[in-house]
C-alpha atoms as a PDB file:
ATOM      1  CA  MET A   1      25.926 -11.495  -1.036  1.00  0.00           C
ATOM      2  CA  LEU A   2      24.666 -15.085  -1.471  1.00  0.00           C
ATOM      3  CA  ASN A   3      26.329 -17.994  -3.227  1.00  0.00           C
ATOM      4  CA  CYS A   4      24.912 -21.482  -2.780  1.00  0.00           C
ATOM      5  CA  ALA A   5      26.435 -24.500  -4.497  1.00  0.00           C
ATOM      6  CA  ASN A   6      25.153 -28.066  -4.691  1.00  0.00           C
ATOM      7  CA  ILE A   7      22.677 -27.620  -1.805  1.00  0.00           C
ATOM      8  CA  THR A   8      20.854 -30.806  -0.822  1.00  0.00           C
ATOM      9  CA  LEU A   9      18.099 -31.265   1.740  1.00  0.00           C
ATOM     10  CA  HIS A  10      16.405 -34.363   3.114  1.00  0.00           C
ATOM     11  CA  TYR A  11      13.215 -34.749   5.129  1.00  0.00           C
ATOM     12  CA  GLY A  12      13.713 -38.182   6.627  1.00  0.00           C
ATOM     13  CA  GLN A  13      14.261 -40.545   3.675  1.00  0.00           C
ATOM     14  CA  SER A  14      12.910 -38.056   1.119  1.00  0.00           C
ATOM     15  CA  GLN A  15      15.297 -35.831  -0.832  1.00  0.00           C
ATOM     16  CA  ILE A  16      13.731 -32.399  -1.304  1.00  0.00           C
ATOM     17  CA  LEU A  17      16.633 -30.421  -2.795  1.00  0.00           C
ATOM     18  CA  ASN A  18      19.077 -32.065  -5.158  1.00  0.00           C
ATOM     19  CA  GLY A  19      22.242 -30.140  -5.965  1.00  0.00           C
ATOM     20  CA  VAL A  20      20.772 -26.622  -6.074  1.00  0.00           C
ATOM     21  CA  ASP A  21      22.985 -23.690  -7.099  1.00  0.00           C
ATOM     22  CA  MET A  22      21.890 -20.090  -6.610  1.00  0.00           C
ATOM     23  CA  THR A  23      23.390 -16.631  -6.259  1.00  0.00           C
ATOM     24  CA  ALA A  24      21.944 -13.275  -5.220  1.00  0.00           C
ATOM     25  CA  GLU A  25      23.731  -9.958  -5.680  1.00  0.00           C
ATOM     26  CA  VAL A  26      23.278  -6.665  -3.854  1.00  0.00           C
ATOM     27  CA  GLY A  27      21.019  -4.315  -5.791  1.00  0.00           C
ATOM     28  CA  ARG A  28      19.373  -7.133  -7.748  1.00  0.00           C
ATOM     29  CA  ILE A  29      16.276  -9.301  -7.415  1.00  0.00           C
ATOM     30  CA  SER A  30      16.724 -13.036  -7.901  1.00  0.00           C
ATOM     31  CA  CYS A  31      13.303 -14.511  -8.612  1.00  0.00           C
ATOM     32  CA  LEU A  32      12.722 -18.198  -7.882  1.00  0.00           C
ATOM     33  CA  MET A  33       9.782 -19.781  -9.685  1.00  0.00           C
ATOM     34  CA  GLY A  34       8.232 -23.209 -10.112  1.00  0.00           C
ATOM     35  CA  VAL A  35       4.975 -25.048  -9.533  1.00  0.00           C
ATOM     36  CA  ASN A  36       3.891 -26.041  -6.031  1.00  0.00           C
ATOM     37  CA  GLY A  37       5.975 -28.675  -4.278  1.00  0.00           C
ATOM     38  CA  VAL A  38       9.248 -28.343  -6.215  1.00  0.00           C
ATOM     39  CA  GLY A  39      11.297 -27.127  -3.222  1.00  0.00           C
ATOM     40  CA  LYS A  40      11.182 -23.329  -3.413  1.00  0.00           C
ATOM     41  CA  THR A  41      10.041 -22.773   0.167  1.00  0.00           C
ATOM     42  CA  SER A  42      12.402 -25.493   1.382  1.00  0.00           C
ATOM     43  CA  LEU A  43      15.321 -23.632  -0.196  1.00  0.00           C
ATOM     44  CA  LEU A  44      14.299 -20.395   1.531  1.00  0.00           C
ATOM     45  CA  LYS A  45      14.081 -22.269   4.820  1.00  0.00           C
ATOM     46  CA  VAL A  46      17.664 -23.454   4.312  1.00  0.00           C
ATOM     47  CA  LEU A  47      18.770 -19.903   3.537  1.00  0.00           C
ATOM     48  CA  SER A  48      16.968 -18.540   6.611  1.00  0.00           C
ATOM     49  CA  GLY A  49      18.331 -21.222   8.953  1.00  0.00           C
ATOM     50  CA  THR A  50      14.938 -22.829   9.574  1.00  0.00           C
ATOM     51  CA  HIS A  51      16.139 -26.069   7.943  1.00  0.00           C
ATOM     52  CA  CYS A  52      19.624 -27.587   8.067  1.00  0.00           C
ATOM     53  CA  HIS A  53      20.848 -28.593   4.607  1.00  0.00           C
ATOM     54  CA  SER A  54      22.297 -32.047   4.090  1.00  0.00           C
ATOM     55  CA  GLY A  55      25.151 -31.077   1.785  1.00  0.00           C
ATOM     56  CA  GLY A  56      26.639 -28.340  -0.354  1.00  0.00           C
ATOM     57  CA  SER A  57      27.984 -24.901   0.536  1.00  0.00           C
ATOM     58  CA  TYR A  58      26.139 -21.817   1.744  1.00  0.00           C
ATOM     59  CA  ILE A  59      28.297 -18.700   1.384  1.00  0.00           C
ATOM     60  CA  LEU A  60      26.968 -15.431   2.781  1.00  0.00           C
ATOM     61  CA  ASN A  61      28.920 -12.230   2.146  1.00  0.00           C
ATOM     62  CA  GLY A  62      32.049 -14.226   1.332  1.00  0.00           C
ATOM     63  CA  GLU A  63      31.916 -16.524   4.375  1.00  0.00           C
ATOM     64  CA  GLU A  64      30.924 -20.187   4.177  1.00  0.00           C
ATOM     65  CA  LEU A  65      28.472 -21.045   6.950  1.00  0.00           C
ATOM     66  CA  PRO A  66      28.110 -24.447   8.615  1.00  0.00           C
ATOM     67  CA  PRO A  67      24.855 -26.332   7.876  1.00  0.00           C
ATOM     68  CA  ASN A  68      23.662 -26.070  11.483  1.00  0.00           C
ATOM     69  CA  THR A  69      23.826 -22.245  11.649  1.00  0.00           C
ATOM     70  CA  PRO A  70      20.574 -21.348  13.476  1.00  0.00           C
ATOM     71  CA  ALA A  71      18.012 -18.853  12.242  1.00  0.00           C
ATOM     72  CA  HIS A  72      18.774 -16.254  14.931  1.00  0.00           C
ATOM     73  CA  ALA A  73      22.475 -16.287  14.016  1.00  0.00           C
ATOM     74  CA  LEU A  74      21.659 -15.806  10.325  1.00  0.00           C
ATOM     75  CA  ALA A  75      19.313 -12.958  11.219  1.00  0.00           C
ATOM     76  CA  LYS A  76      22.146 -11.224  13.059  1.00  0.00           C
ATOM     77  CA  ARG A  77      24.349 -11.743   9.996  1.00  0.00           C
ATOM     78  CA  GLY A  78      21.818  -9.882   7.893  1.00  0.00           C
ATOM     79  CA  VAL A  79      19.318 -12.456   6.611  1.00  0.00           C
ATOM     80  CA  GLY A  80      15.737 -11.159   6.704  1.00  0.00           C
ATOM     81  CA  TYR A  81      12.949 -13.671   6.076  1.00  0.00           C
ATOM     82  CA  VAL A  82       9.298 -13.065   5.216  1.00  0.00           C
ATOM     83  CA  PRO A  83       7.744 -16.545   5.356  1.00  0.00           C
ATOM     84  CA  GLN A  84       4.841 -17.859   3.343  1.00  0.00           C
ATOM     85  CA  GLY A  85       1.709 -17.313   5.428  1.00  0.00           C
ATOM     86  CA  ARG A  86       3.330 -14.273   7.097  1.00  0.00           C
ATOM     87  CA  ASP A  87       3.477 -15.779  10.652  1.00  0.00           C
ATOM     88  CA  ILE A  88       2.203 -12.645  12.359  1.00  0.00           C
ATOM     89  CA  PHE A  89       1.756 -12.879  16.144  1.00  0.00           C
ATOM     90  CA  PRO A  90      -2.035 -12.373  16.299  1.00  0.00           C
ATOM     91  CA  LEU A  91      -2.271 -11.260  19.939  1.00  0.00           C
ATOM     92  CA  LEU A  92       0.596  -8.777  19.770  1.00  0.00           C
ATOM     93  CA  THR A  93       0.012  -5.269  18.479  1.00  0.00           C
ATOM     94  CA  VAL A  94       1.372  -4.117  15.136  1.00  0.00           C
ATOM     95  CA  LYS A  95       4.051  -2.151  16.992  1.00  0.00           C
ATOM     96  CA  GLU A  96       4.994  -5.160  19.129  1.00  0.00           C
ATOM     97  CA  ASN A  97       5.187  -7.395  16.052  1.00  0.00           C
ATOM     98  CA  MET A  98       7.672  -5.019  14.449  1.00  0.00           C
ATOM     99  CA  GLU A  99       9.675  -4.740  17.660  1.00  0.00           C
ATOM    100  CA  ILE A 100      10.335  -8.494  17.506  1.00  0.00           C
ATOM    101  CA  GLY A 101      13.101  -7.545  15.050  1.00  0.00           C
ATOM    102  CA  PHE A 102      14.898  -5.553  17.744  1.00  0.00           C
ATOM    103  CA  SER A 103      16.502  -8.758  19.045  1.00  0.00           C
ATOM    104  CA  CYS A 104      18.945  -8.626  16.091  1.00  0.00           C
ATOM    105  CA  LEU A 105      19.993  -5.025  16.725  1.00  0.00           C
ATOM    106  CA  ASP A 106      22.237  -3.119  19.097  1.00  0.00           C
ATOM    107  CA  LYS A 107      20.350  -1.140  21.729  1.00  0.00           C
ATOM    108  CA  SER A 108      21.153   2.132  19.963  1.00  0.00           C
ATOM    109  CA  GLU A 109      19.311   0.892  16.843  1.00  0.00           C
ATOM    110  CA  ARG A 110      16.145  -0.293  18.561  1.00  0.00           C
ATOM    111  CA  PHE A 111      13.602   2.151  17.189  1.00  0.00           C
ATOM    112  CA  LEU A 112      10.986   2.111  14.418  1.00  0.00           C
ATOM    113  CA  PRO A 113      12.375   4.176  11.524  1.00  0.00           C
ATOM    114  CA  ASP A 114      10.101   6.701   9.829  1.00  0.00           C
ATOM    115  CA  GLU A 115      10.922   5.096   6.477  1.00  0.00           C
ATOM    116  CA  LEU A 116       8.876   2.023   7.415  1.00  0.00           C
ATOM    117  CA  PHE A 117       5.762   4.120   7.880  1.00  0.00           C
ATOM    118  CA  GLU A 118       6.480   5.939   4.624  1.00  0.00           C
ATOM    119  CA  LEU A 119       6.607   2.571   2.849  1.00  0.00           C
ATOM    120  CA  PHE A 120       3.559   1.210   4.694  1.00  0.00           C
ATOM    121  CA  PRO A 121       1.407   4.114   5.965  1.00  0.00           C
ATOM    122  CA  VAL A 122      -1.348   1.775   7.187  1.00  0.00           C
ATOM    123  CA  LEU A 123       0.996   0.384   9.841  1.00  0.00           C
ATOM    124  CA  LYS A 124       1.375   3.807  11.451  1.00  0.00           C
ATOM    125  CA  GLU A 125      -2.400   4.144  11.657  1.00  0.00           C
ATOM    126  CA  MET A 126      -2.748   0.659  13.167  1.00  0.00           C
ATOM    127  CA  GLN A 127       0.258   0.534  15.505  1.00  0.00           C
ATOM    128  CA  HIS A 128      -1.894  -0.307  18.506  1.00  0.00           C
ATOM    129  CA  ARG A 129      -4.210  -2.789  16.773  1.00  0.00           C
ATOM    130  CA  ARG A 130      -3.616  -6.494  17.288  1.00  0.00           C
ATOM    131  CA  GLY A 131      -1.880  -8.245  14.422  1.00  0.00           C
ATOM    132  CA  GLY A 132      -4.687 -10.773  14.153  1.00  0.00           C
ATOM    133  CA  ASP A 133      -7.202  -7.987  13.459  1.00  0.00           C
ATOM    134  CA  LEU A 134      -5.448  -6.900  10.254  1.00  0.00           C
ATOM    135  CA  SER A 135      -6.510  -7.980   6.776  1.00  0.00           C
ATOM    136  CA  GLY A 136      -4.293 -10.366   4.811  1.00  0.00           C
ATOM    137  CA  GLY A 137      -2.759  -7.522   2.830  1.00  0.00           C
ATOM    138  CA  GLN A 138      -2.069  -5.500   5.959  1.00  0.00           C
ATOM    139  CA  GLN A 139      -0.489  -8.529   7.634  1.00  0.00           C
ATOM    140  CA  GLN A 140       1.772  -8.999   4.608  1.00  0.00           C
ATOM    141  CA  GLN A 141       2.920  -5.394   4.875  1.00  0.00           C
ATOM    142  CA  LEU A 142       3.571  -5.956   8.580  1.00  0.00           C
ATOM    143  CA  ALA A 143       5.600  -9.112   7.876  1.00  0.00           C
ATOM    144  CA  ILE A 144       7.807  -7.255   5.398  1.00  0.00           C
ATOM    145  CA  ALA A 145       8.222  -4.318   7.791  1.00  0.00           C
ATOM    146  CA  ARG A 146       9.192  -6.686  10.611  1.00  0.00           C
ATOM    147  CA  ALA A 147      11.928  -8.186   8.403  1.00  0.00           C
ATOM    148  CA  LEU A 148      13.185  -4.725   7.419  1.00  0.00           C
ATOM    149  CA  ILE A 149      13.567  -3.759  11.089  1.00  0.00           C
ATOM    150  CA  THR A 150      16.541  -6.155  11.228  1.00  0.00           C
ATOM    151  CA  LYS A 151      18.383  -4.134   8.544  1.00  0.00           C
ATOM    152  CA  PRO A 152      18.857  -7.147   6.249  1.00  0.00           C
ATOM    153  CA  LYS A 153      21.596  -7.500   3.671  1.00  0.00           C
ATOM    154  CA  LEU A 154      19.771 -10.488   2.152  1.00  0.00           C
ATOM    155  CA  LEU A 155      15.967 -10.308   2.075  1.00  0.00           C
ATOM    156  CA  LEU A 156      14.028 -13.539   1.451  1.00  0.00           C
ATOM    157  CA  LEU A 157      10.398 -13.116   0.366  1.00  0.00           C
ATOM    158  CA  ASP A 158       8.178 -16.216   0.107  1.00  0.00           C
ATOM    159  CA  GLU A 159       4.980 -15.673  -1.907  1.00  0.00           C
ATOM    160  CA  PRO A 160       4.341 -12.055  -0.832  1.00  0.00           C
ATOM    161  CA  THR A 161       1.292 -11.717  -3.150  1.00  0.00           C
ATOM    162  CA  GLU A 162      -0.495 -14.863  -1.941  1.00  0.00           C
ATOM    163  CA  GLY A 163      -4.111 -14.068  -1.077  1.00  0.00           C
ATOM    164  CA  ILE A 164      -3.562 -10.313  -1.399  1.00  0.00           C
ATOM    165  CA  GLN A 165      -5.875  -7.816  -3.096  1.00  0.00           C
ATOM    166  CA  PRO A 166      -4.540  -6.210  -6.329  1.00  0.00           C
ATOM    167  CA  ASN A 167      -3.951  -2.704  -4.954  1.00  0.00           C
ATOM    168  CA  ILE A 168      -1.789  -4.099  -2.123  1.00  0.00           C
ATOM    169  CA  ILE A 169       0.117  -6.285  -4.620  1.00  0.00           C
ATOM    170  CA  GLN A 170       1.001  -3.131  -6.553  1.00  0.00           C
ATOM    171  CA  GLN A 171       2.162  -1.393  -3.381  1.00  0.00           C
ATOM    172  CA  ILE A 172       4.310  -4.364  -2.360  1.00  0.00           C
ATOM    173  CA  GLY A 173       5.822  -4.403  -5.843  1.00  0.00           C
ATOM    174  CA  ARG A 174       6.753  -0.723  -5.511  1.00  0.00           C
ATOM    175  CA  VAL A 175       8.338  -1.373  -2.106  1.00  0.00           C
ATOM    176  CA  ILE A 176      10.415  -4.277  -3.459  1.00  0.00           C
ATOM    177  CA  SER A 177      11.590  -2.108  -6.369  1.00  0.00           C
ATOM    178  CA  PHE A 178      12.477   0.711  -3.961  1.00  0.00           C
ATOM    179  CA  LEU A 179      14.512  -1.647  -1.773  1.00  0.00           C
ATOM    180  CA  LYS A 180      16.384  -2.946  -4.809  1.00  0.00           C
ATOM    181  CA  ASP A 181      17.121   0.544  -6.075  1.00  0.00           C
ATOM    182  CA  ARG A 182      18.410   1.590  -2.660  1.00  0.00           C
ATOM    183  CA  GLY A 183      21.309  -0.753  -3.422  1.00  0.00           C
ATOM    184  CA  ASP A 184      22.125  -2.077   0.040  1.00  0.00           C
ATOM    185  CA  MET A 185      20.602  -5.561  -0.066  1.00  0.00           C
ATOM    186  CA  ALA A 186      20.178  -8.629  -2.239  1.00  0.00           C
ATOM    187  CA  ILE A 187      16.592  -9.828  -2.655  1.00  0.00           C
ATOM    188  CA  VAL A 188      15.396 -13.382  -3.286  1.00  0.00           C
ATOM    189  CA  LEU A 189      11.748 -13.518  -4.304  1.00  0.00           C
ATOM    190  CA  VAL A 190       9.722 -16.744  -4.453  1.00  0.00           C
ATOM    191  CA  GLU A 191       6.537 -16.031  -6.348  1.00  0.00           C
ATOM    192  CA  GLN A 192       3.752 -17.880  -8.205  1.00  0.00           C
ATOM    193  CA  TYR A 193       2.202 -14.747  -9.743  1.00  0.00           C
ATOM    194  CA  PHE A 194       4.198 -14.879 -12.963  1.00  0.00           C
ATOM    195  CA  ASP A 195       3.732 -11.366 -14.334  1.00  0.00           C
ATOM    196  CA  PHE A 196       4.539  -9.828 -10.942  1.00  0.00           C
ATOM    197  CA  ALA A 197       7.658 -11.971 -10.561  1.00  0.00           C
ATOM    198  CA  PHE A 198       8.940 -11.544 -14.111  1.00  0.00           C
ATOM    199  CA  GLY A 199       8.386  -7.805 -13.985  1.00  0.00           C
ATOM    200  CA  LEU A 200      10.517  -7.382 -10.861  1.00  0.00           C
ATOM    201  CA  ALA A 201      13.253  -9.922 -11.570  1.00  0.00           C
ATOM    202  CA  ASP A 202      16.810  -9.171 -12.619  1.00  0.00           C
ATOM    203  CA  ASP A 203      17.771 -12.845 -12.487  1.00  0.00           C
ATOM    204  CA  ILE A 204      15.494 -15.837 -13.080  1.00  0.00           C
ATOM    205  CA  TYR A 205      15.650 -19.243 -11.414  1.00  0.00           C
ATOM    206  CA  VAL A 206      13.172 -22.030 -12.183  1.00  0.00           C
ATOM    207  CA  MET A 207      12.954 -25.222 -10.129  1.00  0.00           C
ATOM    208  CA  GLU A 208      11.504 -28.613 -10.940  1.00  0.00           C
ATOM    209  CA  ARG A 209      11.472 -31.606  -8.569  1.00  0.00           C
ATOM    210  CA  GLY A 210      14.156 -30.206  -6.290  1.00  0.00           C
ATOM    211  CA  LYS A 211      16.525 -29.192  -9.085  1.00  0.00           C
ATOM    212  CA  MET A 212      17.269 -25.921 -10.826  1.00  0.00           C
ATOM    213  CA  ILE A 213      16.336 -26.309 -14.496  1.00  0.00           C
ATOM    214  CA  LEU A 214      16.764 -22.703 -15.633  1.00  0.00           C
ATOM    215  CA  ASN A 215      18.843 -19.796 -14.378  1.00  0.00           C
ATOM    216  CA  GLY A 216      20.338 -16.613 -15.720  1.00  0.00           C
ATOM    217  CA  GLU A 217      19.772 -12.922 -16.277  1.00  0.00           C
ATOM    218  CA  LYS A 218      16.196 -12.114 -17.254  1.00  0.00           C
ATOM    219  CA  SER A 219      17.426 -10.221 -20.294  1.00  0.00           C
ATOM    220  CA  THR A 220      18.707 -13.479 -21.809  1.00  0.00           C
ATOM    221  CA  PHE A 221      15.265 -15.150 -21.785  1.00  0.00           C
ATOM    222  CA  ARG A 222      12.045 -14.585 -23.664  1.00  0.00           C
ATOM    223  CA  LYS A 223       9.056 -14.237 -21.351  1.00  0.00           C
ATOM    224  CA  GLN A 224       7.097 -16.970 -23.110  1.00  0.00           C
ATOM    225  CA  ASP A 225      10.000 -19.414 -22.792  1.00  0.00           C
ATOM    226  CA  VAL A 226      10.177 -18.938 -19.018  1.00  0.00           C
ATOM    227  CA  ARG A 227       6.405 -19.302 -18.755  1.00  0.00           C
ATOM    228  CA  ALA A 228       6.574 -22.522 -20.777  1.00  0.00           C
ATOM    229  CA  LYS A 229       9.025 -24.011 -18.279  1.00  0.00           C
ATOM    230  CA  LEU A 230       6.482 -23.377 -15.519  1.00  0.00           C
ATOM    231  CA  ALA A 231       3.722 -25.097 -17.474  1.00  0.00           C
ATOM    232  CA  VAL A 232       5.567 -28.415 -17.755  1.00  0.00           C
END
């Protein structure tokens, strides 16, 4: 579904990404790890169309996309993005927040599927509450649900456990596993919570200073060796 090669990104005179390669396959979770500030979120912003990469190739579902492809066009092509910090609209209701995703869909598909409320029952109970009134964990569930409304083929998750209570982390982990097992999307997970990330991953990517320093199938690595790379 996703094949990036030699991706570079500059903010002004600063180079943030330096020749990054990454792939993500349908029915698998590609987990991207690294300490703060190494470029993980910047890479997701390139993949979501929020940032325009400076060089390299971005191939989505077999088609190479130009660097200036905007976020709304990528969303219509099947890229769902759950940003760090969630970016919920605080004054809109839970239902209205989810309906934001309708803009990517044909009119016949503009409805809230029952499956969303099966995955996140609290959202059904709180449909008419304002997004800003929800707890952090509830907002994270809402952000994921909003991305799923768009029927993504590539789902990008940036730090979904950040600031979330343990029981909600477990629920989010079960949802991510369910989506993988459904077999109709590729998932890229950026995550600092090591045990959560390693447990879910099929493929491991580790970044350092804008470069990829480790990548491959999880089964080829020992857990302690991956953790050691993150401690450097």
